[in-house]
C-alpha atoms as a PDB file:
ATOM      1  CA  MET A   1      -0.183  20.292  14.952  1.00  0.00           C
ATOM      2  CA  LEU A   2       2.897  17.772  13.370  1.00  0.00           C
ATOM      3  CA  GLU A   3       0.032  15.241  12.903  1.00  0.00           C
ATOM      4  CA  VAL A   4      -2.231  17.581  10.791  1.00  0.00           C
ATOM      5  CA  LEU A   5       1.142  17.697   9.130  1.00  0.00           C
ATOM      6  CA  TRP A   6       0.931  14.233   8.561  1.00  0.00           C
ATOM      7  CA  LEU A   7      -0.602  14.072   4.740  1.00  0.00           C
ATOM      8  CA  PHE A   8      -0.592  17.638   3.284  1.00  0.00           C
ATOM      9  CA  CYS A   9      -3.650  17.381   0.555  1.00  0.00           C
ATOM     10  CA  LEU A  10      -4.358  20.023  -2.285  1.00  0.00           C
ATOM     11  CA  PRO A  11      -6.534  18.696  -4.946  1.00  0.00           C
ATOM     12  CA  ILE A  12      -7.245  21.043  -7.720  1.00  0.00           C
ATOM     13  CA  LEU A  13      -9.985  23.307  -6.464  1.00  0.00           C
ATOM     14  CA  GLY A  14      -7.873  23.608  -3.176  1.00  0.00           C
ATOM     15  CA  GLN A  15     -11.018  22.177  -1.391  1.00  0.00           C
ATOM     16  CA  PRO A  16      -8.780  19.726   1.219  1.00  0.00           C
ATOM     17  CA  LEU A  17      -8.875  16.229   0.319  1.00  0.00           C
ATOM     18  CA  LYS A  18     -10.739  13.965   3.294  1.00  0.00           C
ATOM     19  CA  LEU A  19      -7.673  12.401   5.002  1.00  0.00           C
ATOM     20  CA  CYS A  20     -10.425   9.825   6.310  1.00  0.00           C
ATOM     21  CA  SER A  21     -11.554   7.498   3.557  1.00  0.00           C
ATOM     22  CA  ARG A  22     -12.489   3.930   4.638  1.00  0.00           C
ATOM     23  CA  GLU A  23     -13.177   3.459   0.566  1.00  0.00           C
ATOM     24  CA  ARG A  24      -9.614   3.756  -0.367  1.00  0.00           C
ATOM     25  CA  VAL A  25      -8.876   0.503   1.559  1.00  0.00           C
ATOM     26  CA  ASP A  26     -11.488  -1.196   0.183  1.00  0.00           C
ATOM     27  CA  ILE A  27     -10.439  -0.205  -3.537  1.00  0.00           C
ATOM     28  CA  VAL A  28      -7.265  -1.658  -2.734  1.00  0.00           C
ATOM     29  CA  GLU A  29      -8.703  -4.481  -1.364  1.00  0.00           C
ATOM     30  CA  ARG A  30     -10.384  -5.232  -4.547  1.00  0.00           C
ATOM     31  CA  THR A  31      -7.834  -4.102  -6.607  1.00  0.00           C
ATOM     32  CA  LYS A  32      -5.646  -6.999  -4.690  1.00  0.00           C
ATOM     33  CA  MET A  33      -8.405  -9.426  -5.548  1.00  0.00           C
ATOM     34  CA  GLU A  34      -8.407  -8.569  -9.185  1.00  0.00           C
ATOM     35  CA  LEU A  35      -4.825  -8.625  -9.620  1.00  0.00           C
ATOM     36  CA  SER A  36      -4.729 -12.338  -7.979  1.00  0.00           C
ATOM     37  CA  LYS A  37      -6.756 -13.446 -11.198  1.00  0.00           C
ATOM     38  CA  VAL A  38      -4.163 -12.632 -13.701  1.00  0.00           C
ATOM     39  CA  SER A  39      -0.738 -12.488 -11.421  1.00  0.00           C
ATOM     40  CA  LYS A  40      -0.317 -15.847 -12.551  1.00  0.00           C
ATOM     41  CA  GLY A  41       0.785 -14.872 -15.767  1.00  0.00           C
ATOM     42  CA  VAL A  42       2.663 -11.464 -14.416  1.00  0.00           C
ATOM     43  CA  ASN A  43       5.375 -11.487 -12.115  1.00  0.00           C
ATOM     44  CA  ILE A  44       5.441  -8.219 -10.606  1.00  0.00           C
ATOM     45  CA  THR A  45       7.676  -7.146  -7.682  1.00  0.00           C
ATOM     46  CA  LEU A  46       8.136  -3.686  -6.423  1.00  0.00           C
ATOM     47  CA  TYR A  47       9.786  -2.179  -3.674  1.00  0.00           C
ATOM     48  CA  THR A  48       7.625  -2.172  -0.188  1.00  0.00           C
ATOM     49  CA  PRO A  49       8.011   0.033   2.778  1.00  0.00           C
ATOM     50  CA  PRO A  50       7.659  -1.397   6.068  1.00  0.00           C
ATOM     51  CA  THR A  51       3.928  -0.155   7.479  1.00  0.00           C
ATOM     52  CA  ASN A  52       5.543  -0.551  11.230  1.00  0.00           C
ATOM     53  CA  ASP A  53       7.862   2.773  11.026  1.00  0.00           C
ATOM     54  CA  MET A  54       5.874   5.466  12.552  1.00  0.00           C
ATOM     55  CA  SER A  55       8.553   7.961  12.039  1.00  0.00           C
ATOM     56  CA  CYS A  56       8.717   8.056   8.271  1.00  0.00           C
ATOM     57  CA  ARG A  57       4.728   7.627   7.372  1.00  0.00           C
ATOM     58  CA  ASN A  58       5.021   9.926   4.589  1.00  0.00           C
ATOM     59  CA  ALA A  59       8.247   8.876   3.005  1.00  0.00           C
ATOM     60  CA  SER A  60       6.461   5.034   3.190  1.00  0.00           C
ATOM     61  CA  LEU A  61       3.420   6.909   1.748  1.00  0.00           C
ATOM     62  CA  LYS A  62       5.505   8.632  -1.183  1.00  0.00           C
ATOM     63  CA  CYS A  63       7.306   5.130  -2.089  1.00  0.00           C
ATOM     64  CA  PHE A  64       3.979   3.828  -2.402  1.00  0.00           C
ATOM     65  CA  LEU A  65       2.521   6.675  -4.429  1.00  0.00           C
ATOM     66  CA  ASP A  66       5.745   6.229  -6.736  1.00  0.00           C
ATOM     67  CA  GLU A  67       5.632   2.042  -6.995  1.00  0.00           C
ATOM     68  CA  VAL A  68       2.035   1.943  -8.074  1.00  0.00           C
ATOM     69  CA  LYS A  69       3.093   4.417 -11.013  1.00  0.00           C
ATOM     70  CA  VAL A  70       5.605   1.452 -11.367  1.00  0.00           C
ATOM     71  CA  LEU A  71       3.021  -0.904 -11.417  1.00  0.00           C
ATOM     72  CA  GLU A  72       0.967   0.631 -13.798  1.00  0.00           C
ATOM     73  CA  ILE A  73       3.532   0.063 -16.291  1.00  0.00           C
ATOM     74  CA  GLU A  74       4.084  -3.017 -15.699  1.00  0.00           C
ATOM     75  CA  LEU A  75       0.418  -4.023 -16.069  1.00  0.00           C
ATOM     76  CA  ASP A  76       0.532  -2.267 -19.102  1.00  0.00           C
ATOM     77  CA  VAL A  77       3.427  -3.987 -20.858  1.00  0.00           C
ATOM     78  CA  ALA A  78       1.648  -7.262 -19.762  1.00  0.00           C
ATOM     79  CA  GLY A  79      -1.709  -6.176 -21.089  1.00  0.00           C
ATOM     80  CA  GLU A  80      -3.486  -6.071 -18.436  1.00  0.00           C
ATOM     81  CA  SER A  81      -6.238  -3.421 -17.840  1.00  0.00           C
ATOM     82  CA  LEU A  82      -7.766  -3.689 -14.430  1.00  0.00           C
ATOM     83  CA  LYS A  83     -10.985  -1.810 -13.789  1.00  0.00           C
ATOM     84  CA  GLU A  84     -10.518  -1.737  -9.858  1.00  0.00           C
ATOM     85  CA  PHE A  85      -6.565  -0.568 -10.512  1.00  0.00           C
ATOM     86  CA  ILE A  86      -7.506   2.026 -12.391  1.00  0.00           C
ATOM     87  CA  ARG A  87      -9.905   3.211  -9.504  1.00  0.00           C
ATOM     88  CA  MET A  88      -7.233   3.023  -7.120  1.00  0.00           C
ATOM     89  CA  LYS A  89      -4.494   5.228  -8.836  1.00  0.00           C
ATOM     90  CA  ARG A  90      -7.028   7.774  -9.462  1.00  0.00           C
ATOM     91  CA  THR A  91      -7.753   8.067  -5.477  1.00  0.00           C
ATOM     92  CA  LEU A  92      -4.418   7.732  -4.447  1.00  0.00           C
ATOM     93  CA  ASP A  93      -3.235  10.421  -7.050  1.00  0.00           C
ATOM     94  CA  GLN A  94      -4.862  12.899  -4.778  1.00  0.00           C
ATOM     95  CA  LEU A  95      -2.516  12.213  -1.860  1.00  0.00           C
ATOM     96  CA  TYR A  96       0.167  14.647  -1.188  1.00  0.00           C
ATOM     97  CA  PRO A  97       2.749  13.247   1.577  1.00  0.00           C
ATOM     98  CA  VAL A  98       4.484  16.023   2.650  1.00  0.00           C
ATOM     99  CA  PRO A  99       8.219  15.016   4.374  1.00  0.00           C
ATOM    100  CA  GLU A 100       8.491  15.084   7.776  1.00  0.00           C
ATOM    101  CA  ALA A 101      11.410  16.941   9.429  1.00  0.00           C
ATOM    102  CA  SER A 102      12.890  14.408  11.488  1.00  0.00           C
ATOM    103  CA  CYS A 103      12.794  11.926   8.981  1.00  0.00           C
ATOM    104  CA  GLU A 104      15.601  10.645   7.256  1.00  0.00           C
ATOM    105  CA  PRO A 105      13.953   8.513   4.620  1.00  0.00           C
ATOM    106  CA  LEU A 106      15.815   5.338   2.846  1.00  0.00           C
ATOM    107  CA  SER A 107      15.342   5.675  -0.443  1.00  0.00           C
ATOM    108  CA  CYS A 108      12.557   3.791  -1.871  1.00  0.00           C
ATOM    109  CA  GLU A 109      14.439   1.283  -4.042  1.00  0.00           C
ATOM    110  CA  LEU A 110      16.411   0.030  -0.831  1.00  0.00           C
ATOM    111  CA  HIS A 111      13.326  -1.099   0.745  1.00  0.00           C
ATOM    112  CA  PRO A 112      12.826  -4.840  -0.532  1.00  0.00           C
ATOM    113  CA  GLU A 113      11.113  -5.878  -3.442  1.00  0.00           C
ATOM    114  CA  MET A 114       7.872  -8.104  -2.740  1.00  0.00           C
ATOM    115  CA  SER A 115       5.471  -9.140  -4.831  1.00  0.00           C
ATOM    116  CA  ALA A 116       2.654  -7.414  -6.262  1.00  0.00           C
ATOM    117  CA  ASP A 117       0.148  -8.962  -3.688  1.00  0.00           C
ATOM    118  CA  SER A 118       1.954  -8.407  -0.479  1.00  0.00           C
ATOM    119  CA  PHE A 119       2.964  -4.698  -1.818  1.00  0.00           C
ATOM    120  CA  LEU A 120      -1.328  -4.048  -1.950  1.00  0.00           C
ATOM    121  CA  GLN A 121      -1.315  -5.537   1.428  1.00  0.00           C
ATOM    122  CA  ASN A 122       0.886  -2.933   3.298  1.00  0.00           C
ATOM    123  CA  LEU A 123      -0.105  -0.163   1.160  1.00  0.00           C
ATOM    124  CA  GLY A 124      -3.782  -1.096   2.468  1.00  0.00           C
ATOM    125  CA  LYS A 125      -2.218  -1.332   6.107  1.00  0.00           C
ATOM    126  CA  ILE A 126      -0.863   2.099   5.622  1.00  0.00           C
ATOM    127  CA  LEU A 127      -4.351   4.153   4.328  1.00  0.00           C
ATOM    128  CA  LYS A 128      -5.695   1.726   7.387  1.00  0.00           C
ATOM    129  CA  GLN A 129      -3.370   3.719   9.892  1.00  0.00           C
ATOM    130  CA  MET A 130      -4.604   6.969   8.160  1.00  0.00           C
ATOM    131  CA  ASN A 131      -7.763   5.830   9.006  1.00  0.00           C
ATOM    132  CA  SER A 132      -7.349   5.405  12.479  1.00  0.00           C
ATOM    133  CA  SER A 133      -5.801   8.693  12.912  1.00  0.00           C
ATOM    134  CA  TYR A 134      -8.305  10.676  10.783  1.00  0.00           C
ATOM    135  CA  CYS A 135     -11.761   8.936  11.050  1.00  0.00           C
ATOM    136  CA  ARG A 136     -14.465  10.045  13.715  1.00  0.00           C
ATOM    137  CA  LYS A 137     -14.729   6.919  15.932  1.00  0.00           C
ATOM    138  CA  THR A 138     -18.519   5.732  15.577  1.00  0.00           C
END
């Protein structure tokens, strides 16, 4: 039952959001490649939760979602408009993590600051973990 509560999603129309999304992982990878082309002139670091804390996955996901907003601001200040980033943000904006009752998460600001590349790599890992929980094995 707790696994079902791992991620609670309610899009605007009240339809449950598909928790399995290989496309989300692909969009994060494409965003990472797109960002690498402009990152030479843009020095962005973001608080990056670890991906190995299975007891607080929702808290980690919430930190990632909050830091994506920071990344958006940093890109805007740098004058960068990345097509894949916009797509990634749109799909991530649909996720609403519910805090785990048994979890005492660290404040996002207590996680180490990492490059945007490392941040996106860890975000991709969290999304892959979601897929391994919710995607049907084919």
